[in-house]
C-alpha atoms as a PDB file:
ATOM      1  CA  MET A   1       0.399  -0.197  -0.259  1.00  0.00           C
ATOM      2  CA  ALA A   2       3.168   2.166   0.104  1.00  0.00           C
ATOM      3  CA  SER A   3       2.336   3.657  -3.201  1.00  0.00           C
ATOM      4  CA  ILE A   4      -0.827   2.266  -5.075  1.00  0.00           C
ATOM      5  CA  TYR A   5      -4.296   1.480  -3.887  1.00  0.00           C
ATOM      6  CA  SER A   6      -5.781  -1.979  -5.039  1.00  0.00           C
ATOM      7  CA  LYS A   7      -9.516  -1.676  -6.784  1.00  0.00           C
ATOM      8  CA  GLU A   8     -11.493  -2.725  -3.178  1.00  0.00           C
ATOM      9  CA  GLU A   9      -9.007  -0.090  -1.332  1.00  0.00           C
ATOM     10  CA  ILE A  10     -10.083   2.992  -4.314  1.00  0.00           C
ATOM     11  CA  THR A  11     -14.039   1.622  -3.511  1.00  0.00           C
ATOM     12  CA  GLN A  12     -13.157   1.920   0.153  1.00  0.00           C
ATOM     13  CA  TYR A  13     -11.717   5.467  -0.370  1.00  0.00           C
ATOM     14  CA  TYR A  14     -14.501   6.264  -2.682  1.00  0.00           C
ATOM     15  CA  ASP A  15     -17.166   4.918   0.117  1.00  0.00           C
ATOM     16  CA  ARG A  16     -15.170   7.473   2.354  1.00  0.00           C
ATOM     17  CA  ILE A  17     -15.413  11.062   0.224  1.00  0.00           C
ATOM     18  CA  ASN A  18     -19.072   9.908  -1.077  1.00  0.00           C
ATOM     19  CA  ILE A  19     -18.372   9.679  -4.565  1.00  0.00           C
ATOM     20  CA  PRO A  20     -21.735   8.390  -6.378  1.00  0.00           C
ATOM     21  CA  GLU A  21     -21.242   4.743  -7.764  1.00  0.00           C
ATOM     22  CA  ALA A  22     -21.932   6.360 -11.013  1.00  0.00           C
ATOM     23  CA  LEU A  23     -19.406   8.817 -11.270  1.00  0.00           C
ATOM     24  CA  ARG A  24     -16.329   6.241  -9.778  1.00  0.00           C
ATOM     25  CA  ILE A  25     -13.743   5.809 -12.472  1.00  0.00           C
ATOM     26  CA  TYR A  26     -10.824   3.543 -11.654  1.00  0.00           C
ATOM     27  CA  ASP A  27      -8.742   4.418 -14.231  1.00  0.00           C
ATOM     28  CA  VAL A  28      -8.209   8.062 -15.887  1.00  0.00           C
ATOM     29  CA  SER A  29      -5.636   7.090 -18.351  1.00  0.00           C
ATOM     30  CA  GLY A  30      -7.604   6.826 -21.136  1.00  0.00           C
ATOM     31  CA  LEU A  31      -9.793  10.282 -20.611  1.00  0.00           C
ATOM     32  CA  SER A  32      -9.140  13.410 -22.523  1.00  0.00           C
ATOM     33  CA  PRO A  33      -7.413  16.074 -20.599  1.00  0.00           C
ATOM     34  CA  GLN A  34     -10.205  17.782 -20.421  1.00  0.00           C
ATOM     35  CA  ALA A  35     -12.075  15.098 -18.516  1.00  0.00           C
ATOM     36  CA  THR A  36      -9.137  14.125 -16.365  1.00  0.00           C
ATOM     37  CA  LEU A  37      -9.248  17.552 -14.829  1.00  0.00           C
ATOM     38  CA  SER A  38     -13.031  17.707 -14.283  1.00  0.00           C
ATOM     39  CA  TYR A  39     -12.583  14.131 -12.633  1.00  0.00           C
ATOM     40  CA  LEU A  40      -9.959  16.031 -10.285  1.00  0.00           C
ATOM     41  CA  LYS A  41     -12.429  18.446  -9.458  1.00  0.00           C
ATOM     42  CA  GLU A  42     -14.927  16.177  -8.638  1.00  0.00           C
ATOM     43  CA  LEU A  43     -12.583  14.335  -6.110  1.00  0.00           C
ATOM     44  CA  GLN A  44     -10.820  17.432  -4.778  1.00  0.00           C
ATOM     45  CA  LYS A  45     -14.353  19.157  -3.978  1.00  0.00           C
ATOM     46  CA  HIS A  46     -15.869  15.739  -2.538  1.00  0.00           C
ATOM     47  CA  HIS A  47     -12.669  14.941  -0.158  1.00  0.00           C
ATOM     48  CA  LEU A  48     -12.794  18.997   1.058  1.00  0.00           C
ATOM     49  CA  VAL A  49     -16.476  18.322   2.204  1.00  0.00           C
ATOM     50  CA  SER A  50     -16.402  14.435   3.389  1.00  0.00           C
ATOM     51  CA  VAL A  51     -12.565  14.587   5.238  1.00  0.00           C
ATOM     52  CA  PRO A  52     -11.963  16.866   7.831  1.00  0.00           C
ATOM     53  CA  PHE A  53      -8.883  19.364   8.419  1.00  0.00           C
ATOM     54  CA  GLU A  54      -7.853  18.257  11.913  1.00  0.00           C
ATOM     55  CA  ASN A  55      -4.867  17.759  14.496  1.00  0.00           C
ATOM     56  CA  ILE A  56      -6.812  15.447  16.909  1.00  0.00           C
ATOM     57  CA  SER A  57      -4.101  13.135  17.290  1.00  0.00           C
ATOM     58  CA  LEU A  58      -2.267  16.090  18.961  1.00  0.00           C
ATOM     59  CA  HIS A  59      -4.800  16.698  21.697  1.00  0.00           C
ATOM     60  CA  TYR A  60      -7.190  13.334  22.157  1.00  0.00           C
ATOM     61  CA  SER A  61      -4.116  11.093  22.050  1.00  0.00           C
ATOM     62  CA  PRO A  62      -1.894   9.445  24.858  1.00  0.00           C
ATOM     63  CA  SER A  63       1.242   9.446  22.400  1.00  0.00           C
ATOM     64  CA  ARG A  64       0.379  12.878  20.595  1.00  0.00           C
ATOM     65  CA  THR A  65       2.146  11.391  17.783  1.00  0.00           C
ATOM     66  CA  VAL A  66       1.857  12.493  13.796  1.00  0.00           C
ATOM     67  CA  ILE A  67       2.038   9.184  11.714  1.00  0.00           C
ATOM     68  CA  LEU A  68       2.659   9.588   7.903  1.00  0.00           C
ATOM     69  CA  HIS A  69       3.081   5.930   7.391  1.00  0.00           C
ATOM     70  CA  PRO A  70       0.920   5.505   4.294  1.00  0.00           C
ATOM     71  CA  GLU A  71      -0.900   1.942   5.788  1.00  0.00           C
ATOM     72  CA  GLN A  72      -1.640   3.575   8.595  1.00  0.00           C
ATOM     73  CA  LEU A  73      -2.937   6.879   7.220  1.00  0.00           C
ATOM     74  CA  PHE A  74      -5.153   4.646   5.437  1.00  0.00           C
ATOM     75  CA  ARG A  75      -6.552   2.907   8.293  1.00  0.00           C
ATOM     76  CA  LYS A  76      -7.063   6.070  10.333  1.00  0.00           C
ATOM     77  CA  ILE A  77      -8.627   8.521   7.561  1.00  0.00           C
ATOM     78  CA  VAL A  78     -10.605   6.090   5.281  1.00  0.00           C
ATOM     79  CA  HIS A  79     -11.611   3.361   7.944  1.00  0.00           C
ATOM     80  CA  GLY A  80     -11.317   5.171  10.975  1.00  0.00           C
ATOM     81  CA  GLY A  81     -13.291   8.081   9.514  1.00  0.00           C
ATOM     82  CA  ARG A  82     -11.218  10.728  10.723  1.00  0.00           C
ATOM     83  CA  GLY A  83      -9.248  13.715   9.094  1.00  0.00           C
ATOM     84  CA  GLY A  84      -5.575  14.733   9.580  1.00  0.00           C
ATOM     85  CA  TYR A  85      -3.595  17.589   8.669  1.00  0.00           C
ATOM     86  CA  CYS A  86      -1.647  18.616   5.109  1.00  0.00           C
ATOM     87  CA  MET A  87       0.947  15.654   5.128  1.00  0.00           C
ATOM     88  CA  GLU A  88      -1.715  12.943   6.169  1.00  0.00           C
ATOM     89  CA  LEU A  89      -4.213  13.853   4.103  1.00  0.00           C
ATOM     90  CA  ASN A  90      -2.341  15.008   1.012  1.00  0.00           C
ATOM     91  CA  ALA A  91      -0.240  12.185   0.944  1.00  0.00           C
ATOM     92  CA  VAL A  92      -3.547   9.395   1.019  1.00  0.00           C
ATOM     93  CA  PHE A  93      -5.118  11.891  -1.945  1.00  0.00           C
ATOM     94  CA  GLY A  94      -1.830  11.615  -3.854  1.00  0.00           C
ATOM     95  CA  VAL A  95      -1.646   8.070  -3.207  1.00  0.00           C
ATOM     96  CA  LEU A  96      -5.440   7.839  -4.563  1.00  0.00           C
ATOM     97  CA  LEU A  97      -4.821   9.939  -7.778  1.00  0.00           C
ATOM     98  CA  ARG A  98      -1.846   7.796  -8.243  1.00  0.00           C
ATOM     99  CA  SER A  99      -3.964   4.574  -8.073  1.00  0.00           C
ATOM    100  CA  LEU A 100      -6.036   6.245 -10.731  1.00  0.00           C
ATOM    101  CA  LYS A 101      -3.184   7.178 -13.144  1.00  0.00           C
ATOM    102  CA  TYR A 102      -2.635  10.524 -12.625  1.00  0.00           C
ATOM    103  CA  ASN A 103       0.891  12.083 -13.035  1.00  0.00           C
ATOM    104  CA  LEU A 104       1.985  13.892  -9.773  1.00  0.00           C
ATOM    105  CA  TYR A 105       4.155  14.214  -7.140  1.00  0.00           C
ATOM    106  CA  PRO A 106       4.192  15.892  -3.782  1.00  0.00           C
ATOM    107  CA  THR A 107       6.366  18.900  -2.966  1.00  0.00           C
ATOM    108  CA  GLY A 108       6.557  21.236  -0.118  1.00  0.00           C
ATOM    109  CA  ALA A 109       5.342  24.732   1.231  1.00  0.00           C
ATOM    110  CA  ARG A 110       6.238  27.727   3.415  1.00  0.00           C
ATOM    111  CA  VAL A 111       3.029  29.525   5.264  1.00  0.00           C
ATOM    112  CA  HIS A 112       2.553  32.824   5.245  1.00  0.00           C
ATOM    113  CA  ASP A 113       1.618  33.663   9.059  1.00  0.00           C
ATOM    114  CA  GLY A 114       0.546  37.538   8.252  1.00  0.00           C
ATOM    115  CA  ARG A 115       3.750  39.135   9.059  1.00  0.00           C
ATOM    116  CA  GLU A 116       6.103  37.014   7.115  1.00  0.00           C
ATOM    117  CA  PHE A 117       6.514  32.798   5.335  1.00  0.00           C
ATOM    118  CA  GLY A 118       7.702  30.648   7.587  1.00  0.00           C
ATOM    119  CA  GLY A 119      10.170  27.672   7.091  1.00  0.00           C
ATOM    120  CA  TRP A 120       9.093  24.688   4.780  1.00  0.00           C
ATOM    121  CA  ASP A 121       5.719  23.165   7.133  1.00  0.00           C
ATOM    122  CA  HIS A 122       3.002  22.337   4.278  1.00  0.00           C
ATOM    123  CA  MET A 123       2.329  19.801   1.918  1.00  0.00           C
ATOM    124  CA  LEU A 124       1.120  19.800  -1.502  1.00  0.00           C
ATOM    125  CA  ASN A 125       0.908  18.037  -5.090  1.00  0.00           C
ATOM    126  CA  LEU A 126       1.578  18.917  -8.638  1.00  0.00           C
ATOM    127  CA  VAL A 127      -0.831  16.887 -10.708  1.00  0.00           C
ATOM    128  CA  THR A 128       0.299  16.904 -14.514  1.00  0.00           C
ATOM    129  CA  ILE A 129      -2.452  16.802 -17.042  1.00  0.00           C
ATOM    130  CA  GLY A 130      -1.526  17.040 -20.897  1.00  0.00           C
ATOM    131  CA  ASP A 131       0.838  20.139 -21.275  1.00  0.00           C
ATOM    132  CA  SER A 132      -0.359  21.513 -17.729  1.00  0.00           C
ATOM    133  CA  ARG A 133       0.391  21.576 -14.226  1.00  0.00           C
ATOM    134  CA  TYR A 134      -1.572  21.761 -11.127  1.00  0.00           C
ATOM    135  CA  VAL A 135      -1.582  22.724  -7.817  1.00  0.00           C
ATOM    136  CA  VAL A 136      -3.732  20.551  -6.267  1.00  0.00           C
ATOM    137  CA  ASP A 137      -4.004  20.895  -2.295  1.00  0.00           C
ATOM    138  CA  VAL A 138      -6.877  19.244   0.023  1.00  0.00           C
ATOM    139  CA  GLY A 139      -4.896  20.269   3.429  1.00  0.00           C
ATOM    140  CA  PHE A 140      -4.747  23.772   3.922  1.00  0.00           C
ATOM    141  CA  GLY A 141      -6.911  23.832   6.725  1.00  0.00           C
ATOM    142  CA  SER A 142      -8.871  27.222   6.598  1.00  0.00           C
ATOM    143  CA  ASN A 143     -11.294  29.246   5.195  1.00  0.00           C
ATOM    144  CA  TYR A 144      -8.597  30.021   2.403  1.00  0.00           C
ATOM    145  CA  VAL A 145      -8.447  26.119   1.032  1.00  0.00           C
ATOM    146  CA  PRO A 146      -8.235  26.321  -2.575  1.00  0.00           C
ATOM    147  CA  THR A 147     -11.122  24.143  -3.736  1.00  0.00           C
ATOM    148  CA  THR A 148     -10.040  23.419  -7.246  1.00  0.00           C
ATOM    149  CA  PRO A 149      -6.672  22.890  -9.166  1.00  0.00           C
ATOM    150  CA  LEU A 150      -4.714  25.324  -9.792  1.00  0.00           C
ATOM    151  CA  ARG A 151      -3.421  25.751 -13.233  1.00  0.00           C
ATOM    152  CA  LEU A 152       0.227  26.459 -12.213  1.00  0.00           C
ATOM    153  CA  ILE A 153       1.031  29.652 -14.276  1.00  0.00           C
ATOM    154  CA  HIS A 154       1.179  33.373 -13.318  1.00  0.00           C
ATOM    155  CA  ASP A 155      -2.120  34.472 -13.167  1.00  0.00           C
ATOM    156  CA  ALA A 156      -2.791  37.965 -11.907  1.00  0.00           C
ATOM    157  CA  ALA A 157      -7.011  37.939 -12.603  1.00  0.00           C
ATOM    158  CA  GLY A 158      -7.224  34.832 -10.440  1.00  0.00           C
ATOM    159  CA  VAL A 159     -10.303  32.452 -10.501  1.00  0.00           C
ATOM    160  CA  PRO A 160     -13.630  31.890  -8.143  1.00  0.00           C
ATOM    161  CA  ASN A 161     -13.077  30.097  -5.126  1.00  0.00           C
ATOM    162  CA  VAL A 162     -15.718  29.796  -2.279  1.00  0.00           C
ATOM    163  CA  SER A 163     -17.807  32.751  -3.199  1.00  0.00           C
ATOM    164  CA  PRO A 164     -17.321  35.479  -3.523  1.00  0.00           C
ATOM    165  CA  ALA A 165     -13.674  35.047  -2.502  1.00  0.00           C
ATOM    166  CA  SER A 166     -11.101  34.053  -5.431  1.00  0.00           C
ATOM    167  CA  ILE A 167      -7.350  32.840  -5.143  1.00  0.00           C
ATOM    168  CA  ARG A 168      -4.632  32.630  -7.313  1.00  0.00           C
ATOM    169  CA  LEU A 169      -1.015  31.620  -8.227  1.00  0.00           C
ATOM    170  CA  ILE A 170       1.946  34.450  -9.088  1.00  0.00           C
ATOM    171  CA  TYR A 171       5.542  34.052  -9.595  1.00  0.00           C
ATOM    172  CA  LYS A 172       7.082  36.476  -7.538  1.00  0.00           C
ATOM    173  CA  ASN A 173      10.308  37.424  -5.805  1.00  0.00           C
ATOM    174  CA  ILE A 174       9.518  37.209  -1.872  1.00  0.00           C
ATOM    175  CA  ASP A 175      10.206  39.686   1.027  1.00  0.00           C
ATOM    176  CA  GLY A 176      13.108  39.004   3.305  1.00  0.00           C
ATOM    177  CA  SER A 177      15.165  37.429   0.146  1.00  0.00           C
ATOM    178  CA  GLN A 178      18.649  38.059  -0.098  1.00  0.00           C
ATOM    179  CA  ASN A 179      18.515  37.075  -3.688  1.00  0.00           C
ATOM    180  CA  ALA A 180      16.947  39.611  -5.445  1.00  0.00           C
ATOM    181  CA  TYR A 181      16.676  37.566  -8.633  1.00  0.00           C
ATOM    182  CA  GLN A 182      14.719  34.363  -7.687  1.00  0.00           C
ATOM    183  CA  LYS A 183      11.521  33.886  -7.790  1.00  0.00           C
ATOM    184  CA  ILE A 184       8.688  31.367  -6.043  1.00  0.00           C
ATOM    185  CA  TRP A 185       5.550  30.389  -6.445  1.00  0.00           C
ATOM    186  CA  VAL A 186       2.657  32.326  -4.491  1.00  0.00           C
ATOM    187  CA  PHE A 187      -0.691  31.097  -3.498  1.00  0.00           C
ATOM    188  CA  GLN A 188      -2.694  34.129  -2.633  1.00  0.00           C
ATOM    189  CA  HIS A 189      -6.658  34.229  -1.579  1.00  0.00           C
ATOM    190  CA  ARG A 190      -8.859  37.351  -1.301  1.00  0.00           C
ATOM    191  CA  MET A 191     -11.783  37.696   0.477  1.00  0.00           C
ATOM    192  CA  SER A 192     -13.811  39.178  -2.241  1.00  0.00           C
ATOM    193  CA  ASP A 193     -13.375  41.607  -5.307  1.00  0.00           C
ATOM    194  CA  SER A 194     -12.773  44.417  -3.495  1.00  0.00           C
ATOM    195  CA  ALA A 195     -10.048  43.341  -1.493  1.00  0.00           C
ATOM    196  CA  ASP A 196      -6.448  42.807  -1.996  1.00  0.00           C
ATOM    197  CA  PHE A 197      -5.000  39.659  -2.326  1.00  0.00           C
ATOM    198  CA  LYS A 198      -2.819  38.270   0.315  1.00  0.00           C
ATOM    199  CA  ASP A 199       0.093  35.628   0.456  1.00  0.00           C
ATOM    200  CA  MET A 200      -0.770  32.242   1.940  1.00  0.00           C
ATOM    201  CA  TYR A 201       1.973  30.143   1.026  1.00  0.00           C
ATOM    202  CA  CYS A 202       4.940  29.779  -1.094  1.00  0.00           C
ATOM    203  CA  PHE A 203       5.991  26.810  -2.747  1.00  0.00           C
ATOM    204  CA  THR A 204       8.776  25.218  -5.490  1.00  0.00           C
ATOM    205  CA  ASP A 205       8.568  22.870  -7.700  1.00  0.00           C
ATOM    206  CA  ILE A 206      10.872  20.549  -6.427  1.00  0.00           C
ATOM    207  CA  GLU A 207       9.955  16.948  -5.854  1.00  0.00           C
ATOM    208  CA  PHE A 208      10.094  16.629  -2.095  1.00  0.00           C
ATOM    209  CA  ARG A 209      11.143  13.154  -0.196  1.00  0.00           C
ATOM    210  CA  PRO A 210       9.224  11.228   2.355  1.00  0.00           C
ATOM    211  CA  ARG A 211      11.873  12.198   4.420  1.00  0.00           C
ATOM    212  CA  ASP A 212      11.994  15.896   3.561  1.00  0.00           C
ATOM    213  CA  PHE A 213       7.912  15.794   5.098  1.00  0.00           C
ATOM    214  CA  GLU A 214       9.127  13.437   8.161  1.00  0.00           C
ATOM    215  CA  MET A 215      11.461  16.218   9.077  1.00  0.00           C
ATOM    216  CA  MET A 216       8.641  19.167   8.514  1.00  0.00           C
ATOM    217  CA  ASN A 217       5.991  16.404  10.423  1.00  0.00           C
ATOM    218  CA  PHE A 218       8.691  16.000  13.479  1.00  0.00           C
ATOM    219  CA  TRP A 219       8.345  19.968  13.745  1.00  0.00           C
ATOM    220  CA  THR A 220       4.747  20.438  12.863  1.00  0.00           C
ATOM    221  CA  SER A 221       3.687  17.929  15.503  1.00  0.00           C
ATOM    222  CA  LYS A 222       6.140  18.737  18.299  1.00  0.00           C
ATOM    223  CA  SER A 223       6.904  22.285  18.295  1.00  0.00           C
ATOM    224  CA  PRO A 224       5.003  24.086  21.356  1.00  0.00           C
ATOM    225  CA  LYS A 225       5.562  27.110  18.863  1.00  0.00           C
ATOM    226  CA  VAL A 226       3.214  25.804  15.997  1.00  0.00           C
ATOM    227  CA  ILE A 227      -0.615  25.969  16.539  1.00  0.00           C
ATOM    228  CA  PHE A 228      -0.883  22.360  15.923  1.00  0.00           C
ATOM    229  CA  THR A 229       0.493  21.803  19.546  1.00  0.00           C
ATOM    230  CA  GLN A 230      -1.063  24.385  20.987  1.00  0.00           C
ATOM    231  CA  ARG A 231      -4.934  24.752  19.732  1.00  0.00           C
ATOM    232  CA  LEU A 232      -7.389  21.742  18.690  1.00  0.00           C
ATOM    233  CA  ILE A 233      -8.481  22.415  15.324  1.00  0.00           C
ATOM    234  CA  CYS A 234     -11.191  20.629  12.959  1.00  0.00           C
ATOM    235  CA  ASN A 235     -12.082  22.010   9.917  1.00  0.00           C
ATOM    236  CA  LYS A 236     -14.399  21.061   6.600  1.00  0.00           C
ATOM    237  CA  LEU A 237     -15.643  22.371   3.614  1.00  0.00           C
ATOM    238  CA  ILE A 238     -19.878  22.759   3.309  1.00  0.00           C
ATOM    239  CA  LEU A 239     -21.294  21.758   0.260  1.00  0.00           C
ATOM    240  CA  GLY A 240     -24.504  23.641  -0.807  1.00  0.00           C
ATOM    241  CA  GLU A 241     -27.005  23.933  -4.370  1.00  0.00           C
ATOM    242  CA  GLY A 242     -25.293  26.482  -6.727  1.00  0.00           C
ATOM    243  CA  GLU A 243     -26.360  27.240 -10.068  1.00  0.00           C
ATOM    244  CA  LYS A 244     -24.151  24.744 -11.536  1.00  0.00           C
ATOM    245  CA  GLY A 245     -25.574  22.414  -8.936  1.00  0.00           C
ATOM    246  CA  LYS A 246     -23.459  21.160  -5.772  1.00  0.00           C
ATOM    247  CA  GLU A 247     -20.986  23.516  -4.992  1.00  0.00           C
ATOM    248  CA  ILE A 248     -18.685  24.438  -1.899  1.00  0.00           C
ATOM    249  CA  VAL A 249     -20.504  27.114  -0.144  1.00  0.00           C
ATOM    250  CA  GLY A 250     -18.895  28.006   3.477  1.00  0.00           C
ATOM    251  CA  THR A 251     -16.924  26.046   5.634  1.00  0.00           C
ATOM    252  CA  LEU A 252     -17.130  24.649   9.008  1.00  0.00           C
ATOM    253  CA  THR A 253     -14.697  25.236  11.747  1.00  0.00           C
ATOM    254  CA  LEU A 254     -14.208  24.112  15.812  1.00  0.00           C
ATOM    255  CA  MET A 255     -11.684  26.200  17.087  1.00  0.00           C
ATOM    256  CA  GLY A 256     -12.097  27.295  20.651  1.00  0.00           C
ATOM    257  CA  GLU A 257     -15.778  27.264  19.236  1.00  0.00           C
ATOM    258  CA  LEU A 258     -18.242  26.062  16.569  1.00  0.00           C
ATOM    259  CA  LYS A 259     -18.024  28.462  13.818  1.00  0.00           C
ATOM    260  CA  LYS A 260     -20.003  28.412  10.086  1.00  0.00           C
ATOM    261  CA  ARG A 261     -18.886  30.588   7.279  1.00  0.00           C
ATOM    262  CA  ILE A 262     -21.418  30.956   4.245  1.00  0.00           C
ATOM    263  CA  GLY A 263     -19.728  32.761   1.741  1.00  0.00           C
ATOM    264  CA  ALA A 264     -18.955  36.388   3.806  1.00  0.00           C
ATOM    265  CA  LYS A 265     -21.159  35.949   6.412  1.00  0.00           C
ATOM    266  CA  SER A 266     -19.737  33.917   9.603  1.00  0.00           C
ATOM    267  CA  GLU A 267     -21.773  33.202  13.242  1.00  0.00           C
ATOM    268  CA  VAL A 268     -20.943  31.274  15.729  1.00  0.00           C
ATOM    269  CA  VAL A 269     -22.830  28.001  16.322  1.00  0.00           C
ATOM    270  CA  LYS A 270     -21.966  27.042  19.531  1.00  0.00           C
ATOM    271  CA  GLU A 271     -19.534  27.978  22.469  1.00  0.00           C
ATOM    272  CA  PHE A 272     -18.274  24.882  24.815  1.00  0.00           C
ATOM    273  CA  LYS A 273     -18.940  24.709  27.887  1.00  0.00           C
ATOM    274  CA  SER A 274     -17.477  20.976  28.896  1.00  0.00           C
ATOM    275  CA  GLU A 275     -15.838  18.392  27.037  1.00  0.00           C
ATOM    276  CA  GLY A 276     -18.767  16.561  26.655  1.00  0.00           C
ATOM    277  CA  GLU A 277     -20.004  19.202  24.453  1.00  0.00           C
ATOM    278  CA  ARG A 278     -16.837  19.372  22.508  1.00  0.00           C
ATOM    279  CA  ILE A 279     -16.562  15.709  22.155  1.00  0.00           C
ATOM    280  CA  GLU A 280     -20.399  15.838  20.941  1.00  0.00           C
ATOM    281  CA  ALA A 281     -19.760  18.354  18.160  1.00  0.00           C
ATOM    282  CA  LEU A 282     -16.566  16.504  16.944  1.00  0.00           C
ATOM    283  CA  SER A 283     -19.190  13.111  16.352  1.00  0.00           C
ATOM    284  CA  GLU A 284     -22.626  15.072  15.174  1.00  0.00           C
ATOM    285  CA  GLU A 285     -20.704  18.169  12.904  1.00  0.00           C
ATOM    286  CA  PHE A 286     -17.496  16.023  11.713  1.00  0.00           C
ATOM    287  CA  GLY A 287     -18.207  12.392  12.177  1.00  0.00           C
ATOM    288  CA  ILE A 288     -15.293  11.591  14.481  1.00  0.00           C
ATOM    289  CA  THR A 289     -16.194   9.567  17.392  1.00  0.00           C
ATOM    290  CA  LEU A 290     -13.520   9.312  20.139  1.00  0.00           C
ATOM    291  CA  SER A 291     -12.718   6.347  22.013  1.00  0.00           C
ATOM    292  CA  GLU A 292     -12.724   6.269  26.106  1.00  0.00           C
ATOM    293  CA  ILE A 293      -8.809   6.176  26.105  1.00  0.00           C
ATOM    294  CA  GLU A 294      -8.818   9.528  23.586  1.00  0.00           C
ATOM    295  CA  LYS A 295     -11.167  11.373  25.227  1.00  0.00           C
ATOM    296  CA  GLU A 296      -9.132  10.985  28.740  1.00  0.00           C
ATOM    297  CA  SER A 297      -6.070  11.982  27.238  1.00  0.00           C
ATOM    298  CA  ILE A 298      -6.823  15.382  27.362  1.00  0.00           C
ATOM    299  CA  LYS A 299      -7.328  15.737  30.719  1.00  0.00           C
ATOM    300  CA  ASN A 300      -4.764  17.900  32.729  1.00  0.00           C
ATOM    301  CA  THR A 301      -3.616  19.529  29.451  1.00  0.00           C
ATOM    302  CA  ALA A 302      -3.729  23.315  28.377  1.00  0.00           C
ATOM    303  CA  ASN A 303      -6.541  22.427  25.586  1.00  0.00           C
ATOM    304  CA  GLU A 304      -8.898  20.437  28.330  1.00  0.00           C
ATOM    305  CA  ILE A 305     -12.247  22.717  28.652  1.00  0.00           C
ATOM    306  CA  ARG A 306     -12.499  22.818  32.187  1.00  0.00           C
END
């Protein structure tokens, strides 16, 4: 299971992300580039609304460890009904795409914290279809996650994301670079047509290897300086009815409280007064059921609701 899923495993994955039987394809190599891209869009959309971005393993867990082994990730996400963060979600999604005969490889990114770019701490996939390459990311857990494959071209205009937002890729020199001539790809997001585009992360098109991600994962799962060890996060996208059928219309986020964003409107759905209320929300809103051992393991930690 290290690099390819069997047909049975693909079927289990399709069950997990709610792909209708009539839409299930097991080999895209015979499709036209246009059809191959169209199916990739469907897979990405279904994954984003079905599999949450979450770091529960760092809080409701005795070991507080994120394991990147492919077989372990398949059991956790596909069989266990869980989610994960970028290096988990984009890893399993990458294996699914490779199993369907997509041409792709993973690379790393530096996330922007609102002031500057950090170190290598994010993963995404670069998929080649025909003569074009696309950024495919199902693991950027926020209101800013790209909901469609982004063609790897410098695009000043951008493309629609969750309405009224838009996203784009630009190729530029980033602030703080000592080499003024060095350029890098930057993923940007804006909340509306009247807002400015803001840097979300920058990345290279160099393939990253498993050990690169092991080192990145050690930092993001162990350092007290990163948000993943500081706060419990669970996020997934919401599917609604649009003019063209079912479209992603918003996000549901559990971080301190439960918030729902539809378009430009955000509201607090629930404030948690106890661990029981938060555990119930994880089950009812995100489909995540914790074992008794997992529930107990958050006691006497900074993230326990007392």
